[in-house]
Amino acid sequence: MSRLFKELTPVHVAQERFMKIVRPIDRSERLPIEECSGRVLAEDVISSVNVPHYRRAAMDGYALRAEETLGASRTSPVLFTQSETIAPQTCVRVHTGSPLPLGADAVVMIEETEAVDHDLVEVRAQVHPYENVSEIGEDIKRGELVLHEGHLLRPVDISVLASIRLPHATVHQKPIVSIIPTGDELIPRERREPPRPGEIIETNTLMTELYARKWGATTNVSKILPDDPESIRDAIRENLGSDMIILCGGTSVGEKDHAPRVIEEMGRILTRGIRASPGKPTTLAEVRGRPVLCMPGYPVAGYVALQLFAKPAIRKLAHLPELPENRTKLPLREKITSRIGYLTFARIKIEENTARPVMTSGASILSSITRSDGYTIIPENTEGYEKGGSVEIILAE
């Protein structure tokens, strides 16, 4: 393989190629519902009970026979006797959720009544049958499809599962993502001695691991590998049991960038270099049916590669539904320049309801992301944005 980027691939083309080889995993597991928030159902949920399972008052007030309130109003109230049971022209005090007394078919709200004696109540509004009454199965009926397979469970959904007395749910397992850092210059962040000139604390793995988990995966993290083809080959081989492999570093065109050549020997390269700034050295591949992302070693370029490829791939593996990103539009405080022919990721700081560019270049300046609130994407055929123009900002997660 030539070490030069012969032809860079437009980002949208690279995304299409990569996502075609990503297949949702087919493993599932049964978990207590308390552990299922944020997980995706692997089977339909059908209720075996009615909710509610009894007729109940939907309001605080008095249960009675609706026909006996005919003509009741504030100027012409109807008098009822308060009792413990329903009989002609009697009412029973009820609270929201109380069982509806036998013989009653409606509830008049407490606001529409007036106690005139210790056991006499004026009803000042007419009610119709079943008014302010929750019928059996009004919320959920026995045999009803409650949630479809593929539904992303939220806390409110877990509450619904509890209401139908479901202690467990079958959900799709989380995909396993293996993360392999490479580079002779890298040192583990746990090392007590400070880095010497030429050494770099390895942080891409931490960023990648945390994002992978945030997006719905579990992770396996390898030790830092030297820039050695055999070591990279062995690490990839050892992690082929995972659902996706991410290599951190070793993707550019230097003498020590061995990852693409090793992967080409083991599988096939889908894309070698993309038209993104930062992020150009990104390599996408497939090895024995596993999607492989080789993200650049420069951290901002690596961040871009994760957003463009790892995020949608992991979510697809995990059966997670596609959701729109959190975006906003604001006017620019300053002009943004970009590189024609490249999809440019410009970091943005939001100040006083305006967008201030932080940086458009500088793939190694990770703190530029920390100092920003998000980024705007400048299309390949656009030469930046003028001051005062409105830009769409993807808010950082």
Protein backbone atom coordinates (compact mmCIF):
# COMPACT_ATOMS: atom_id res chain seq x y z
CA MET A 1 0.00 0.00 0.00
CA SER A 2 1.22 3.48 -0.88
CA ARG A 3 1.72 5.69 2.16
CA LEU A 4 0.20 8.67 0.34
CA PHE A 5 -3.48 9.57 0.38
CA LYS A 6 -4.13 8.89 -3.30
CA GLU A 7 -7.69 10.17 -3.34
CA LEU A 8 -9.61 11.55 -0.39
CA THR A 9 -13.22 10.43 -0.02
CA PRO A 10 -16.05 12.92 0.61
CA VAL A 11 -17.39 12.47 4.12
CA HIS A 12 -20.93 11.51 3.12
CA VAL A 13 -19.59 8.81 0.79
CA ALA A 14 -17.31 7.45 3.52
CA GLN A 15 -20.24 7.38 5.94
CA GLU A 16 -22.40 5.46 3.47
CA ARG A 17 -19.69 2.88 2.85
CA PHE A 18 -19.02 2.38 6.53
CA MET A 19 -22.64 2.14 7.63
CA LYS A 20 -23.37 -0.48 4.96
CA ILE A 21 -21.11 -2.97 6.75
CA VAL A 22 -22.52 -2.19 10.21
CA ARG A 23 -25.20 -4.69 11.20
CA PRO A 24 -27.23 -4.51 14.42
CA ILE A 25 -26.21 -7.25 16.83
CA ASP A 26 -28.66 -10.10 17.41
CA ARG A 27 -27.90 -10.82 21.07
CA SER A 28 -30.42 -10.05 23.81
CA GLU A 29 -30.64 -10.37 27.57
CA ARG A 30 -33.34 -10.35 30.23
CA LEU A 31 -32.84 -7.73 32.94
CA PRO A 32 -34.73 -6.35 35.93
CA ILE A 33 -36.71 -3.36 34.73
CA GLU A 34 -34.76 -1.13 37.14
CA GLU A 35 -31.70 -1.70 34.92
CA CYS A 36 -33.44 -1.13 31.57
CA SER A 37 -33.57 2.66 31.24
CA GLY A 38 -31.74 3.65 28.06
CA ARG A 39 -31.90 0.12 26.68
CA VAL A 40 -33.77 -1.07 23.57
CA LEU A 41 -36.54 -3.66 23.77
CA ALA A 42 -35.76 -6.91 21.95
CA GLU A 43 -39.37 -8.10 21.97
CA ASP A 44 -42.88 -6.69 22.12
CA VAL A 45 -44.39 -6.10 25.55
CA ILE A 46 -48.01 -7.28 25.89
CA SER A 47 -49.91 -6.64 29.09
CA SER A 48 -51.33 -9.57 31.04
CA VAL A 49 -53.39 -7.26 33.30
CA ASN A 50 -55.80 -4.33 33.15
CA VAL A 51 -54.66 -0.92 34.35
CA PRO A 52 -56.48 0.17 36.39
CA HIS A 53 -57.80 -3.19 37.57
CA TYR A 54 -60.83 -1.61 39.28
CA ARG A 55 -63.23 1.29 38.67
CA ARG A 56 -61.83 4.30 40.49
CA ALA A 57 -62.49 7.94 41.15
CA ALA A 58 -60.52 10.26 38.89
CA MET A 59 -61.15 13.31 41.07
CA ASP A 60 -61.60 14.26 44.70
CA GLY A 61 -65.31 14.68 45.38
CA TYR A 62 -68.45 12.65 45.87
CA ALA A 63 -69.50 9.43 44.15
CA LEU A 64 -73.18 9.24 43.26
CA ARG A 65 -75.71 8.32 40.60
CA ALA A 66 -75.37 10.73 37.67
CA GLU A 67 -79.12 10.71 36.89
CA GLU A 68 -79.84 12.19 40.32
CA THR A 69 -77.85 15.36 39.52
CA LEU A 70 -80.16 16.29 36.64
CA GLY A 71 -80.67 20.07 36.60
CA ALA A 72 -78.17 20.77 39.39
CA SER A 73 -76.49 24.18 39.22
CA ARG A 74 -75.08 26.85 41.50
CA THR A 75 -78.42 28.62 41.59
CA SER A 76 -80.40 25.40 41.88
CA PRO A 77 -78.37 22.83 43.83
CA VAL A 78 -79.55 19.27 44.50
CA LEU A 79 -79.34 18.01 48.06
CA PHE A 80 -77.67 14.67 48.85
CA THR A 81 -77.12 12.77 52.07
CA GLN A 82 -73.53 11.74 52.69
CA SER A 83 -73.29 8.03 53.45
CA GLU A 84 -70.92 5.04 53.41
CA THR A 85 -72.92 3.30 50.64
CA ILE A 86 -74.89 4.36 47.59
CA ALA A 87 -78.66 4.55 47.91
CA PRO A 88 -81.26 6.90 46.39
CA GLN A 89 -80.16 10.53 46.74
CA THR A 90 -77.01 9.63 48.70
CA CYS A 91 -73.34 10.26 47.95
CA VAL A 92 -70.05 8.85 49.21
CA ARG A 93 -66.92 10.98 49.80
CA VAL A 94 -64.08 9.73 47.55
CA HIS A 95 -60.51 10.73 46.74
CA THR A 96 -58.56 10.41 43.51
CA GLY A 97 -57.82 6.72 43.05
CA SER A 98 -60.48 5.52 45.49
CA PRO A 99 -62.56 2.49 44.40
CA LEU A 100 -65.91 3.64 43.05
CA PRO A 101 -68.63 2.56 45.50
CA LEU A 102 -71.06 -0.09 44.30
CA GLY A 103 -74.05 1.56 42.67
CA ALA A 104 -72.28 4.83 41.81
CA ASP A 105 -71.54 5.72 38.19
CA ALA A 106 -70.05 9.23 38.45
CA VAL A 107 -68.04 11.59 40.65
CA VAL A 108 -68.86 15.25 41.16
CA MET A 109 -65.78 17.35 41.90
CA ILE A 110 -65.41 18.72 45.40
CA GLU A 111 -65.33 22.26 43.96
CA GLU A 112 -68.90 21.77 42.69
CA THR A 113 -70.28 20.89 46.14
CA GLU A 114 -70.99 22.54 49.49
CA ALA A 115 -71.39 20.78 52.83
CA VAL A 116 -74.42 22.36 54.52
CA ASP A 117 -74.67 20.05 57.51
CA HIS A 118 -72.67 17.20 59.00
CA ASP A 119 -74.29 14.72 56.56
CA LEU A 120 -75.95 16.93 53.91
CA VAL A 121 -74.19 18.01 50.70
CA GLU A 122 -75.35 20.44 48.06
CA VAL A 123 -74.37 19.35 44.53
CA ARG A 124 -74.12 22.41 42.30
CA ALA A 125 -73.30 20.85 38.93
CA GLN A 126 -74.88 18.20 36.77
CA VAL A 127 -72.65 15.23 35.86
CA HIS A 128 -73.12 12.59 33.20
CA PRO A 129 -72.61 8.85 33.66
CA TYR A 130 -68.93 7.86 34.06
CA GLU A 131 -67.80 11.47 34.45
CA ASN A 132 -64.60 11.66 36.53
CA VAL A 133 -64.45 7.86 36.64
CA SER A 134 -61.57 5.69 35.42
CA GLU A 135 -62.90 2.43 34.01
CA ILE A 136 -61.16 -0.94 34.29
CA GLY A 137 -58.45 -1.08 31.60
CA GLU A 138 -58.84 2.60 30.73
CA ASP A 139 -55.04 3.05 30.75
CA ILE A 140 -53.96 -0.39 29.52
CA LYS A 141 -56.15 -3.40 28.64
CA ARG A 142 -55.22 -7.02 29.19
CA GLY A 143 -53.73 -8.38 25.94
CA GLU A 144 -52.85 -4.89 24.66
CA LEU A 145 -49.51 -4.24 22.93
CA VAL A 146 -47.85 -1.78 25.30
CA LEU A 147 -44.42 -1.25 23.69
CA HIS A 148 -42.95 -2.43 20.40
CA GLU A 149 -39.66 -4.24 19.93
CA GLY A 150 -37.05 -1.59 19.15
CA HIS A 151 -38.49 0.94 21.60
CA LEU A 152 -35.88 2.92 23.51
CA LEU A 153 -36.87 2.62 27.15
CA ARG A 154 -37.15 5.85 29.12
CA PRO A 155 -37.80 6.19 32.86
CA VAL A 156 -41.51 6.82 32.14
CA ASP A 157 -41.63 3.57 30.14
CA ILE A 158 -40.09 1.67 33.04
CA SER A 159 -42.90 3.02 35.21
CA VAL A 160 -45.45 1.65 32.73
CA LEU A 161 -43.75 -1.76 32.82
CA ALA A 162 -44.01 -1.68 36.60
CA SER A 163 -47.72 -0.80 36.39
CA ILE A 164 -48.39 -4.01 34.43
CA ARG A 165 -46.43 -5.98 37.03
CA LEU A 166 -43.56 -6.82 34.68
CA PRO A 167 -40.43 -7.47 36.78
CA HIS A 168 -38.07 -8.09 33.83
CA ALA A 169 -37.70 -6.98 30.21
CA THR A 170 -35.83 -8.52 27.29
CA VAL A 171 -33.51 -5.95 25.74
CA HIS A 172 -30.82 -5.96 23.09
CA GLN A 173 -27.36 -6.45 24.52
CA LYS A 174 -24.94 -3.58 24.30
CA PRO A 175 -22.39 -3.97 21.48
CA ILE A 176 -18.79 -4.61 22.46
CA VAL A 177 -16.30 -2.05 21.14
CA SER A 178 -12.59 -2.81 21.37
CA ILE A 179 -10.26 0.20 21.59
CA ILE A 180 -6.60 -0.19 20.65
CA PRO A 181 -4.16 2.71 21.21
CA THR A 182 -0.93 2.73 19.19
CA GLY A 183 2.19 4.87 19.23
CA ASP A 184 5.80 4.69 20.45
CA GLU A 185 5.48 8.20 21.86
CA LEU A 186 2.50 7.39 24.08
CA ILE A 187 2.70 6.81 27.81
CA PRO A 188 -0.13 5.70 30.12
CA ARG A 189 -1.74 8.50 32.09
CA GLU A 190 -1.28 6.43 35.27
CA ARG A 191 2.52 6.66 35.06
CA ARG A 192 3.81 8.61 38.04
CA GLU A 193 6.82 10.13 36.28
CA PRO A 194 6.03 13.21 34.17
CA PRO A 195 6.39 12.83 30.40
CA ARG A 196 9.80 13.55 28.93
CA PRO A 197 10.30 15.54 25.72
CA GLY A 198 8.85 13.50 22.86
CA GLU A 199 6.45 11.59 25.13
CA ILE A 200 2.69 12.18 25.10
CA ILE A 201 0.16 11.16 27.71
CA GLU A 202 -2.31 8.82 25.98
CA THR A 203 -5.80 10.36 26.28
CA ASN A 204 -7.57 9.36 23.07
CA THR A 205 -8.47 5.98 24.53
CA LEU A 206 -10.18 7.59 27.50
CA MET A 207 -12.17 9.94 25.28
CA THR A 208 -13.11 7.09 22.94
CA GLU A 209 -14.09 4.76 25.77
CA LEU A 210 -16.33 7.33 27.46
CA TYR A 211 -18.06 8.29 24.23
CA ALA A 212 -18.55 4.65 23.24
CA ARG A 213 -20.23 3.97 26.57
CA LYS A 214 -22.31 7.14 26.29
CA TRP A 215 -23.52 6.00 22.87
CA GLY A 216 -24.61 2.58 24.13
CA ALA A 217 -21.62 0.22 24.03
CA THR A 218 -19.48 -1.72 26.44
CA THR A 219 -15.74 -1.47 25.89
CA ASN A 220 -12.56 -3.51 25.90
CA VAL A 221 -9.43 -1.38 26.12
CA SER A 222 -6.03 -2.75 25.07
CA LYS A 223 -2.71 -1.66 26.45
CA ILE A 224 -0.73 0.89 24.46
CA LEU A 225 0.91 -0.80 21.48
CA PRO A 226 4.23 0.18 19.92
CA ASP A 227 4.39 1.20 16.28
CA ASP A 228 4.97 -2.38 15.27
CA PRO A 229 2.94 -4.17 12.56
CA GLU A 230 3.01 -7.53 14.32
CA SER A 231 1.78 -6.08 17.60
CA ILE A 232 -1.09 -4.30 15.81
CA ARG A 233 -1.95 -7.48 13.91
CA ASP A 234 -2.03 -9.54 17.10
CA ALA A 235 -4.20 -6.99 18.91
CA ILE A 236 -6.75 -6.88 16.08
CA ARG A 237 -6.83 -10.68 15.95
CA GLU A 238 -7.38 -10.89 19.71
CA ASN A 239 -10.32 -8.47 19.51
CA LEU A 240 -12.22 -10.02 16.61
CA GLY A 241 -14.77 -11.29 19.11
CA SER A 242 -16.00 -7.74 19.60
CA ASP A 243 -18.61 -6.02 17.43
CA MET A 244 -16.43 -3.07 16.39
CA ILE A 245 -12.76 -2.16 16.63
CA ILE A 246 -11.39 1.37 17.01
CA LEU A 247 -7.67 2.00 16.59
CA CYS A 248 -6.36 5.23 18.03
CA GLY A 249 -3.46 6.57 15.96
CA GLY A 250 -1.16 5.17 13.30
CA THR A 251 -3.40 6.14 10.37
CA SER A 252 -1.44 8.91 8.65
CA VAL A 253 1.35 8.59 6.07
CA GLY A 254 4.42 8.51 8.31
CA GLU A 255 6.93 5.68 8.45
CA LYS A 256 5.43 4.48 11.71
CA ASP A 257 1.79 4.56 10.59
CA HIS A 258 1.28 0.82 10.09
CA ALA A 259 -2.41 0.36 10.93
CA PRO A 260 -3.90 0.72 7.41
CA ARG A 261 -1.38 -1.70 5.86
CA VAL A 262 -1.95 -4.29 8.58
CA ILE A 263 -5.72 -4.00 8.22
CA GLU A 264 -5.52 -4.31 4.45
CA GLU A 265 -3.66 -7.60 4.90
CA MET A 266 -6.31 -8.88 7.33
CA GLY A 267 -9.43 -7.51 5.64
CA ARG A 268 -10.34 -4.68 3.30
CA ILE A 269 -10.00 -0.92 3.34
CA LEU A 270 -13.21 0.97 2.63
CA THR A 271 -11.79 4.47 2.79
CA ARG A 272 -8.24 5.74 3.23
CA GLY A 273 -8.45 9.43 4.04
CA ILE A 274 -11.53 11.68 4.06
CA ARG A 275 -12.25 15.23 2.99
CA ALA A 276 -12.63 16.55 6.52
CA SER A 277 -10.69 19.17 8.44
CA PRO A 278 -9.72 18.07 11.01
CA GLY A 279 -9.94 14.31 10.43
CA LYS A 280 -8.30 13.75 7.04
CA PRO A 281 -6.20 10.66 8.04
CA THR A 282 -9.28 8.66 9.09
CA THR A 283 -9.30 5.10 7.71
CA LEU A 284 -12.41 2.91 7.57
CA ALA A 285 -12.20 -0.83 7.07
CA GLU A 286 -13.74 -4.24 7.59
CA VAL A 287 -12.00 -7.27 9.09
CA ARG A 288 -13.90 -10.55 9.18
CA GLY A 289 -17.25 -8.80 9.17
CA ARG A 290 -16.26 -6.34 11.90
CA PRO A 291 -16.31 -2.60 11.20
CA VAL A 292 -12.94 -1.03 11.97
CA LEU A 293 -12.39 2.68 12.54
CA CYS A 294 -8.81 3.94 12.51
CA MET A 295 -9.04 7.39 14.03
CA PRO A 296 -6.22 9.93 13.70
CA GLY A 297 -3.82 10.37 16.59
CA TYR A 298 -4.36 14.12 16.87
CA PRO A 299 -7.15 14.38 19.44
CA VAL A 300 -9.42 16.89 17.69
CA ALA A 301 -9.19 14.90 14.46
CA GLY A 302 -9.95 11.81 16.51
CA TYR A 303 -12.95 13.54 18.07
CA VAL A 304 -14.29 14.40 14.61
CA ALA A 305 -13.83 10.80 13.45
CA LEU A 306 -15.73 9.55 16.48
CA GLN A 307 -18.63 11.92 15.83
CA LEU A 308 -18.78 11.11 12.12
CA PHE A 309 -18.37 7.34 12.23
CA ALA A 310 -18.23 5.78 15.70
CA LYS A 311 -21.40 7.40 17.00
CA PRO A 312 -23.78 6.30 14.21
CA ALA A 313 -22.11 2.88 13.96
CA ILE A 314 -22.40 2.14 17.68
CA ARG A 315 -26.01 3.30 17.77
CA LYS A 316 -26.85 1.07 14.80
CA LEU A 317 -25.08 -1.93 16.39
CA ALA A 318 -27.09 -1.30 19.58
CA HIS A 319 -30.47 -1.00 17.74
CA LEU A 320 -30.75 2.54 19.07
CA PRO A 321 -33.11 4.76 17.06
CA GLU A 322 -31.74 7.68 15.09
CA LEU A 323 -32.37 10.89 17.00
CA PRO A 324 -31.77 14.47 15.83
CA GLU A 325 -28.76 16.19 17.31
CA ASN A 326 -29.18 19.09 19.70
CA ARG A 327 -28.74 22.16 17.50
CA THR A 328 -29.26 25.90 17.61
CA LYS A 329 -28.84 28.82 15.18
CA LEU A 330 -27.03 32.00 16.12
CA PRO A 331 -25.42 34.97 14.33
CA LEU A 332 -21.63 34.98 13.95
CA ARG A 333 -19.58 37.52 15.89
CA GLU A 334 -16.59 37.03 13.58
CA LYS A 335 -15.88 35.67 10.13
CA ILE A 336 -15.00 31.97 9.80
CA THR A 337 -12.60 30.81 7.11
CA SER A 338 -12.42 27.24 5.86
CA ARG A 339 -10.56 25.07 3.40
CA ILE A 340 -12.34 24.64 0.07
CA GLY A 341 -12.88 20.98 -0.77
CA TYR A 342 -12.99 19.86 2.87
CA LEU A 343 -15.86 19.49 5.30
CA THR A 344 -14.64 21.86 8.02
CA PHE A 345 -15.51 21.51 11.69
CA ALA A 346 -15.30 24.96 13.26
CA ARG A 347 -15.41 25.05 17.03
CA ILE A 348 -17.88 27.61 18.42
CA LYS A 349 -18.27 29.41 21.74
CA ILE A 350 -21.72 30.84 22.51
CA GLU A 351 -21.51 34.33 24.01
CA GLU A 352 -24.43 36.69 24.62
CA ASN A 353 -26.63 34.73 22.22
CA THR A 354 -24.07 34.94 19.42
CA ALA A 355 -21.55 32.47 18.00
CA ARG A 356 -17.84 33.18 18.35
CA PRO A 357 -15.42 30.97 16.38
CA VAL A 358 -12.82 29.34 18.62
CA MET A 359 -10.74 27.53 16.02
CA THR A 360 -11.10 25.96 12.57
CA SER A 361 -7.65 24.36 12.38
CA GLY A 362 -5.34 22.91 15.01
CA ALA A 363 -6.12 19.18 15.12
CA SER A 364 -3.87 18.69 18.14
CA ILE A 365 -5.44 21.40 20.34
CA LEU A 366 -7.90 19.31 22.35
CA SER A 367 -8.62 22.16 24.76
CA SER A 368 -10.24 24.04 21.86
CA ILE A 369 -13.17 21.62 22.20
CA THR A 370 -13.29 22.15 25.94
CA ARG A 371 -13.40 25.92 25.39
CA SER A 372 -16.25 25.61 22.90
CA ASP A 373 -19.95 24.86 23.29
CA GLY A 374 -20.25 23.03 20.00
CA TYR A 375 -19.24 23.23 16.38
CA THR A 376 -20.58 24.26 13.02
CA ILE A 377 -19.92 22.25 9.88
CA ILE A 378 -18.87 24.24 6.82
CA PRO A 379 -19.62 22.40 3.54
CA GLU A 380 -16.80 21.46 1.17
CA ASN A 381 -17.87 23.95 -1.49
CA THR A 382 -18.17 26.91 0.89
CA GLU A 383 -15.30 29.29 1.65
CA GLY A 384 -16.22 30.11 5.22
CA TYR A 385 -19.02 32.22 6.68
CA GLU A 386 -19.24 35.99 6.96
CA LYS A 387 -19.64 37.92 10.19
CA GLY A 388 -23.28 38.44 11.11
CA GLY A 389 -24.52 35.45 9.16
CA SER A 390 -26.62 32.84 10.94
CA VAL A 391 -24.90 29.49 11.51
CA GLU A 392 -26.24 26.18 12.76
CA ILE A 393 -24.36 24.94 15.82
CA ILE A 394 -24.29 21.29 16.86
CA LEU A 395 -24.09 21.49 20.63
CA ALA A 396 -21.31 19.41 22.16
CA GLU A 397 -22.30 16.37 24.19
